[in-house]
């Protein structure tokens, strides 16, 4: 399986906007929230009250870590408090729906990851349109996933883990941050390519899954570096492979999974969204402020320490990327016959 985002990204389709009578425009302005109306008139002092970062997973995972470090710096830059609101569940879709249905005034933001596109792809029905109801602001960072086992596991390599799984089909449990998340889907693809039958156990975040792995309730977890690496350094977990197509510069001694399972690739990333319909001046102000945070030397070093690369982008670039990811994972789901647990 190859995962070349640029090759599968569809061209954006544009449609000429309908011309509205002046009365309809004025009516729309009067019905909008004060922040939106002021922005449309070009008189906004956005932001003029606290911002909310909705994190769709439990505290302690990478989304939560990045939301807090970015939120702290953003608070200092714009002079308004950034409140972190953890809303775990449904593979990250509960938090996503909260923001999708929030007022499009720029004060409710969603920090999500590759799990957004995988969850959307596998769930047959969700309560919002992932393209229409969420407006991309910027990509935040890019990284790889890592396959981890308990430090006491007899498996020292990916080859040994696969041999263990084949010897006792259905005896190994793997955890994830929830059904449809990138860790879940990435392991299901591994099941198919390696011809093994590891059993999925969903959690409401990666941190609880990692805790279960350390406690012996799980035998493997495909998770992100920021959440897994501290436990590796503490001697509680062992890393067997990275999901990217090649070894990570952050973990040069850890083989790529596709060195053992040819064709296996799964990328990881994080990004920021606001409700669909948020006006462009607000989107661009958020884009510029977050990009300023991500480009600082301090933040680059912090992301490096977490095994990720800061990767700010324009809203259009990130939007094209997200649409391509959704298309890609929908194809994977269809071809693999994957279904929600």
Protein backbone atom coordinates (compact mmCIF):
# COMPACT_ATOMS: atom_id res chain seq x y z
CA UNK A 1 0.00 0.00 0.00
CA UNK A 2 1.47 3.34 -0.92
CA UNK A 3 0.37 6.56 0.63
CA UNK A 4 1.33 9.38 -1.70
CA UNK A 5 -0.98 12.22 -0.78
CA UNK A 6 -0.01 14.49 -3.66
CA UNK A 7 -0.74 11.85 -6.26
CA UNK A 8 -4.28 11.22 -5.10
CA UNK A 9 -5.38 14.74 -4.18
CA UNK A 10 -8.35 15.80 -6.31
CA UNK A 11 -8.41 19.15 -8.02
CA UNK A 12 -10.58 21.61 -6.19
CA UNK A 13 -13.84 22.39 -7.96
CA UNK A 14 -14.99 25.97 -7.93
CA UNK A 15 -18.47 27.27 -8.48
CA UNK A 16 -19.37 30.88 -9.18
CA UNK A 17 -21.15 32.31 -6.14
CA UNK A 18 -24.78 33.32 -6.57
CA UNK A 19 -25.44 37.06 -6.53
CA UNK A 20 -27.64 38.03 -3.60
CA UNK A 21 -29.84 41.12 -3.46
CA UNK A 22 -28.51 43.86 -1.18
CA UNK A 23 -31.46 43.35 1.18
CA UNK A 24 -30.55 39.69 1.60
CA UNK A 25 -26.93 40.58 2.40
CA UNK A 26 -28.00 43.10 5.06
CA UNK A 27 -30.40 40.56 6.52
CA UNK A 28 -27.58 38.00 6.73
CA UNK A 29 -25.34 40.50 8.51
CA UNK A 30 -27.99 41.36 11.05
CA UNK A 31 -28.58 37.68 11.82
CA UNK A 32 -24.87 36.86 12.21
CA UNK A 33 -23.04 36.86 15.53
CA UNK A 34 -21.50 40.27 16.38
CA UNK A 35 -17.96 38.99 15.72
CA UNK A 36 -18.88 37.64 12.29
CA UNK A 37 -20.87 40.72 11.29
CA UNK A 38 -18.08 43.06 12.38
CA UNK A 39 -15.52 41.04 10.45
CA UNK A 40 -17.60 41.15 7.26
CA UNK A 41 -17.85 44.93 7.62
CA UNK A 42 -14.09 45.07 8.08
CA UNK A 43 -14.29 46.47 11.65
CA UNK A 44 -13.48 43.37 13.67
CA UNK A 45 -11.06 43.44 16.58
CA UNK A 46 -10.97 39.64 16.56
CA UNK A 47 -10.21 38.03 18.89
CA UNK A 48 -11.75 40.05 21.71
CA UNK A 49 -12.67 37.20 24.07
CA UNK A 50 -11.26 33.76 25.04
CA UNK A 51 -10.74 31.11 22.37
CA UNK A 52 -11.64 27.44 22.86
CA UNK A 53 -9.48 24.60 21.56
CA UNK A 54 -11.60 21.44 21.38
CA UNK A 55 -9.41 18.34 21.74
CA UNK A 56 -11.36 15.25 20.59
CA UNK A 57 -9.38 12.82 22.74
CA UNK A 58 -8.57 12.28 26.42
CA UNK A 59 -5.83 14.38 28.08
CA UNK A 60 -2.25 13.22 27.70
CA UNK A 61 -2.23 12.35 23.99
CA UNK A 62 -0.50 14.24 21.20
CA UNK A 63 -3.56 16.35 20.28
CA UNK A 64 -3.79 17.47 23.90
CA UNK A 65 -0.04 18.11 24.18
CA UNK A 66 0.05 20.25 21.04
CA UNK A 67 -3.16 22.10 21.93
CA UNK A 68 -1.68 23.15 25.27
CA UNK A 69 1.72 24.29 24.02
CA UNK A 70 0.25 26.16 21.05
CA UNK A 71 -2.58 27.56 23.18
CA UNK A 72 -0.13 28.97 25.71
CA UNK A 73 1.87 30.82 23.06
CA UNK A 74 -1.26 31.97 21.26
CA UNK A 75 -2.58 33.42 24.52
CA UNK A 76 0.60 35.48 24.82
CA UNK A 77 0.43 36.67 21.19
CA UNK A 78 -3.23 37.72 20.91
CA UNK A 79 -3.87 38.70 24.54
CA UNK A 80 -6.82 36.33 24.92
CA UNK A 81 -6.94 33.11 26.95
CA UNK A 82 -7.04 29.83 25.02
CA UNK A 83 -9.18 27.30 26.92
CA UNK A 84 -8.53 23.58 26.33
CA UNK A 85 -11.74 21.51 26.17
CA UNK A 86 -11.23 17.72 25.98
CA UNK A 87 -14.23 15.99 24.32
CA UNK A 88 -13.22 12.35 23.71
CA UNK A 89 -15.30 9.65 22.05
CA UNK A 90 -16.24 8.03 18.74
CA UNK A 91 -12.70 8.04 17.44
CA UNK A 92 -12.49 11.83 17.70
CA UNK A 93 -15.81 12.49 15.95
CA UNK A 94 -17.65 13.79 19.04
CA UNK A 95 -15.24 16.71 19.42
CA UNK A 96 -15.24 17.28 15.66
CA UNK A 97 -19.04 17.49 15.59
CA UNK A 98 -19.07 19.98 18.48
CA UNK A 99 -16.92 22.38 16.48
CA UNK A 100 -18.71 21.65 13.19
CA UNK A 101 -21.99 22.79 14.80
CA UNK A 102 -20.53 25.76 16.73
CA UNK A 103 -21.08 29.38 15.64
CA UNK A 104 -18.74 30.25 12.75
CA UNK A 105 -17.13 33.15 14.60
CA UNK A 106 -13.59 31.81 15.02
CA UNK A 107 -13.77 31.28 18.77
CA UNK A 108 -14.25 27.49 18.61
CA UNK A 109 -11.33 25.60 17.11
CA UNK A 110 -10.69 21.89 16.60
CA UNK A 111 -7.21 20.42 16.83
CA UNK A 112 -7.34 17.04 15.14
CA UNK A 113 -5.04 14.57 13.45
CA UNK A 114 -4.90 11.91 10.75
CA UNK A 115 -7.57 10.13 12.81
CA UNK A 116 -10.09 12.70 11.55
CA UNK A 117 -9.82 11.39 7.99
CA UNK A 118 -9.75 7.71 8.96
CA UNK A 119 -12.77 8.03 11.28
CA UNK A 120 -14.76 9.86 8.62
CA UNK A 121 -13.84 7.14 6.12
CA UNK A 122 -14.96 4.15 8.17
CA UNK A 123 -18.08 5.47 9.88
CA UNK A 124 -21.13 5.03 7.58
CA UNK A 125 -23.04 7.92 9.15
CA UNK A 126 -21.79 10.96 11.02
CA UNK A 127 -23.66 14.02 12.22
CA UNK A 128 -21.88 16.55 10.01
CA UNK A 129 -20.31 16.98 6.59
CA UNK A 130 -16.50 16.79 7.03
CA UNK A 131 -15.84 19.02 4.02
CA UNK A 132 -18.68 21.56 4.30
CA UNK A 133 -18.96 21.90 8.08
CA UNK A 134 -15.27 22.18 9.04
CA UNK A 135 -13.00 24.84 7.55
CA UNK A 136 -9.26 23.96 7.50
CA UNK A 137 -7.05 26.67 9.04
CA UNK A 138 -3.55 25.18 8.91
CA UNK A 139 -1.63 21.97 9.21
CA UNK A 140 0.26 21.94 12.51
CA UNK A 141 2.80 19.14 12.29
CA UNK A 142 3.74 15.89 10.54
CA UNK A 143 5.24 12.70 11.91
CA UNK A 144 5.02 8.91 11.79
CA UNK A 145 3.29 6.29 13.90
CA UNK A 146 5.27 3.74 15.91
CA UNK A 147 4.48 0.13 16.76
CA UNK A 148 4.99 -0.48 20.46
CA UNK A 149 4.88 -3.52 22.72
CA UNK A 150 5.34 -4.01 26.45
CA UNK A 151 9.01 -4.05 27.43
CA UNK A 152 8.46 -7.61 28.72
CA UNK A 153 7.06 -8.86 25.39
CA UNK A 154 8.89 -11.81 23.84
CA UNK A 155 8.73 -9.98 20.49
CA UNK A 156 11.94 -8.02 19.90
CA UNK A 157 11.29 -7.26 16.20
CA UNK A 158 8.34 -6.83 13.84
CA UNK A 159 9.14 -10.24 12.38
CA UNK A 160 8.92 -11.86 15.81
CA UNK A 161 5.64 -10.04 16.57
CA UNK A 162 4.10 -11.26 13.32
CA UNK A 163 5.33 -14.81 13.97
CA UNK A 164 3.76 -14.67 17.45
CA UNK A 165 0.46 -13.48 15.99
CA UNK A 166 0.45 -16.18 13.31
CA UNK A 167 1.22 -18.92 15.84
CA UNK A 168 -1.89 -18.06 17.87
CA UNK A 169 -4.46 -16.31 15.62
CA UNK A 170 -6.75 -13.96 17.56
CA UNK A 171 -4.66 -14.17 20.74
CA UNK A 172 -3.06 -10.72 20.49
CA UNK A 173 -5.06 -7.59 21.36
CA UNK A 174 -4.19 -4.17 20.00
CA UNK A 175 -5.43 -0.87 21.37
CA UNK A 176 -6.22 2.45 19.75
CA UNK A 177 -7.57 5.90 20.58
CA UNK A 178 -10.96 4.72 19.29
CA UNK A 179 -12.71 3.00 16.41
CA UNK A 180 -11.71 4.52 13.09
CA UNK A 181 -8.64 6.35 14.38
CA UNK A 182 -5.44 6.16 12.39
CA UNK A 183 -3.94 3.74 14.94
CA UNK A 184 -6.93 1.43 14.52
CA UNK A 185 -7.01 1.62 10.72
CA UNK A 186 -3.24 1.41 10.41
CA UNK A 187 -3.20 -1.83 12.43
CA UNK A 188 -6.12 -3.29 10.46
CA UNK A 189 -4.13 -2.68 7.28
CA UNK A 190 -1.17 -4.42 8.94
CA UNK A 191 -3.48 -7.35 9.79
CA UNK A 192 -4.41 -7.67 6.14
CA UNK A 193 -0.91 -7.27 4.64
CA UNK A 194 0.86 -9.45 7.22
CA UNK A 195 -1.97 -12.03 7.28
CA UNK A 196 -2.45 -11.88 11.05
CA UNK A 197 -5.54 -11.52 13.26
CA UNK A 198 -4.78 -9.08 16.08
CA UNK A 199 -8.04 -8.08 17.84
CA UNK A 200 -9.02 -4.43 18.23
CA UNK A 201 -9.79 -2.92 21.66
CA UNK A 202 -10.87 0.77 21.36
CA UNK A 203 -10.25 3.42 24.04
CA UNK A 204 -11.22 7.10 24.32
CA UNK A 205 -7.70 8.27 23.72
CA UNK A 206 -4.22 6.92 23.06
CA UNK A 207 -2.99 7.52 26.62
CA UNK A 208 -5.48 5.00 28.14
CA UNK A 209 -4.51 2.49 25.45
CA UNK A 210 -0.82 2.93 26.24
CA UNK A 211 -1.58 2.49 29.94
CA UNK A 212 -3.32 -0.82 29.11
CA UNK A 213 -0.31 -1.87 27.02
CA UNK A 214 2.01 -1.21 29.95
CA UNK A 215 -0.40 -3.07 32.24
CA UNK A 216 -0.40 -6.18 30.06
CA UNK A 217 -4.03 -5.97 28.91
CA UNK A 218 -2.86 -5.30 25.34
CA UNK A 219 -0.02 -6.81 23.34
CA UNK A 220 0.58 -4.07 20.76
CA UNK A 221 -0.33 -0.45 20.01
CA UNK A 222 0.31 1.61 16.88
CA UNK A 223 0.49 5.14 18.24
CA UNK A 224 2.17 8.49 17.83
CA UNK A 225 5.67 9.35 18.99
CA UNK A 226 4.70 12.12 21.49
CA UNK A 227 2.54 9.70 23.48
CA UNK A 228 4.68 6.57 23.17
CA UNK A 229 8.26 7.85 23.43
CA UNK A 230 8.20 8.91 27.12
CA UNK A 231 7.23 5.35 28.11
CA UNK A 232 9.99 3.95 25.90
CA UNK A 233 12.52 6.20 27.62
CA UNK A 234 11.13 5.05 30.98
CA UNK A 235 11.84 1.44 29.98
CA UNK A 236 8.16 0.40 29.96
CA UNK A 237 7.66 0.00 26.21
CA UNK A 238 9.70 -1.23 23.25
CA UNK A 239 9.37 0.15 19.72
CA UNK A 240 9.46 -2.37 16.87
CA UNK A 241 8.81 -0.21 13.82
CA UNK A 242 7.72 3.10 12.33
CA UNK A 243 4.80 3.39 9.92
CA UNK A 244 6.32 5.85 7.46
CA UNK A 245 7.88 4.54 4.26
CA UNK A 246 11.37 4.97 5.68
CA UNK A 247 13.08 5.28 9.05
CA UNK A 248 12.39 8.41 11.07
CA UNK A 249 15.27 10.84 11.69
CA UNK A 250 13.98 11.03 15.25
CA UNK A 251 14.28 7.24 15.71
CA UNK A 252 17.06 6.14 13.33
CA UNK A 253 17.54 2.78 15.08
CA UNK A 254 13.88 1.75 14.70
CA UNK A 255 13.19 -0.03 11.38
CA UNK A 256 10.34 0.95 9.08
CA UNK A 257 7.51 -1.58 9.29
CA UNK A 258 7.65 -2.02 5.53
CA UNK A 259 11.13 -3.50 5.88
CA UNK A 260 9.26 -6.54 7.26
CA UNK A 261 5.84 -6.03 5.63
CA UNK A 262 6.41 -4.76 2.06
CA UNK A 263 4.01 -2.06 0.92
CA UNK A 264 2.97 -0.96 4.41
CA UNK A 265 2.85 2.84 4.93
CA UNK A 266 0.73 5.06 7.18
CA UNK A 267 1.50 8.73 7.82
CA UNK A 268 0.52 10.89 10.77
CA UNK A 269 -0.26 14.61 11.01
CA UNK A 270 -2.11 17.23 13.07
CA UNK A 271 -4.11 20.27 11.99
CA UNK A 272 -6.46 23.04 13.03
CA UNK A 273 -10.09 23.58 11.92
CA UNK A 274 -12.93 26.04 12.58
CA UNK A 275 -16.65 25.73 11.75
CA UNK A 276 -17.59 25.90 8.08
CA UNK A 277 -18.77 29.33 7.06
CA UNK A 278 -16.18 31.17 9.17
CA UNK A 279 -15.29 34.28 7.19
CA UNK A 280 -11.88 34.47 5.55
CA UNK A 281 -10.48 37.44 7.57
CA UNK A 282 -10.97 35.41 10.77
CA UNK A 283 -9.53 32.23 9.21
CA UNK A 284 -6.49 34.14 7.97
CA UNK A 285 -5.92 35.87 11.32
CA UNK A 286 -5.90 32.47 13.03
CA UNK A 287 -3.68 31.02 10.30
CA UNK A 288 -1.15 33.83 10.64
CA UNK A 289 -1.05 33.73 14.44
CA UNK A 290 -0.66 29.95 14.62
CA UNK A 291 1.98 29.99 11.87
CA UNK A 292 3.90 32.57 13.89
CA UNK A 293 3.83 30.21 16.87
CA UNK A 294 4.93 27.20 14.80
CA UNK A 295 7.81 29.04 13.11
CA UNK A 296 9.41 30.14 16.37
CA UNK A 297 12.70 28.46 17.29
CA UNK A 298 11.25 27.44 20.64
CA UNK A 299 8.34 25.60 19.06
CA UNK A 300 10.48 23.92 16.42
CA UNK A 301 12.68 22.55 19.20
CA UNK A 302 9.63 21.48 21.20
CA UNK A 303 8.16 19.61 18.22
CA UNK A 304 11.53 17.99 17.53
CA UNK A 305 11.56 16.72 21.10
CA UNK A 306 8.14 15.14 20.45
CA UNK A 307 9.31 13.47 17.24
CA UNK A 308 7.28 15.73 14.95
CA UNK A 309 8.04 18.46 12.42
CA UNK A 310 6.15 21.75 12.60
CA UNK A 311 4.43 22.17 9.22
CA UNK A 312 2.30 25.33 8.94
CA UNK A 313 0.40 25.71 5.66
CA UNK A 314 -2.18 27.90 3.99
CA UNK A 315 -5.88 27.03 4.51
CA UNK A 316 -6.11 26.05 0.84
CA UNK A 317 -3.09 23.73 0.98
CA UNK A 318 -4.36 22.05 4.12
CA UNK A 319 -7.89 21.75 2.72
CA UNK A 320 -6.63 20.03 -0.44
CA UNK A 321 -4.52 17.69 1.67
CA UNK A 322 -7.42 16.75 3.97
CA UNK A 323 -9.77 16.02 1.05
CA UNK A 324 -7.11 13.79 -0.48
CA UNK A 325 -6.65 11.93 2.82
CA UNK A 326 -10.40 11.31 3.14
CA UNK A 327 -10.54 9.96 -0.41
CA UNK A 328 -7.53 7.73 0.23
CA UNK A 329 -8.87 6.19 3.44
CA UNK A 330 -12.34 5.68 1.97
CA UNK A 331 -10.67 3.64 -0.77
CA UNK A 332 -8.74 1.63 1.84
CA UNK A 333 -11.95 0.96 3.80
CA UNK A 334 -13.82 -0.16 0.67
CA UNK A 335 -11.02 -2.39 -0.64
CA UNK A 336 -10.39 -3.95 2.76
CA UNK A 337 -14.02 -4.39 3.69
CA UNK A 338 -13.36 -2.70 7.06
CA UNK A 339 -16.34 -1.90 9.28
CA UNK A 340 -16.76 -0.12 12.63
CA UNK A 341 -16.49 -2.35 15.71
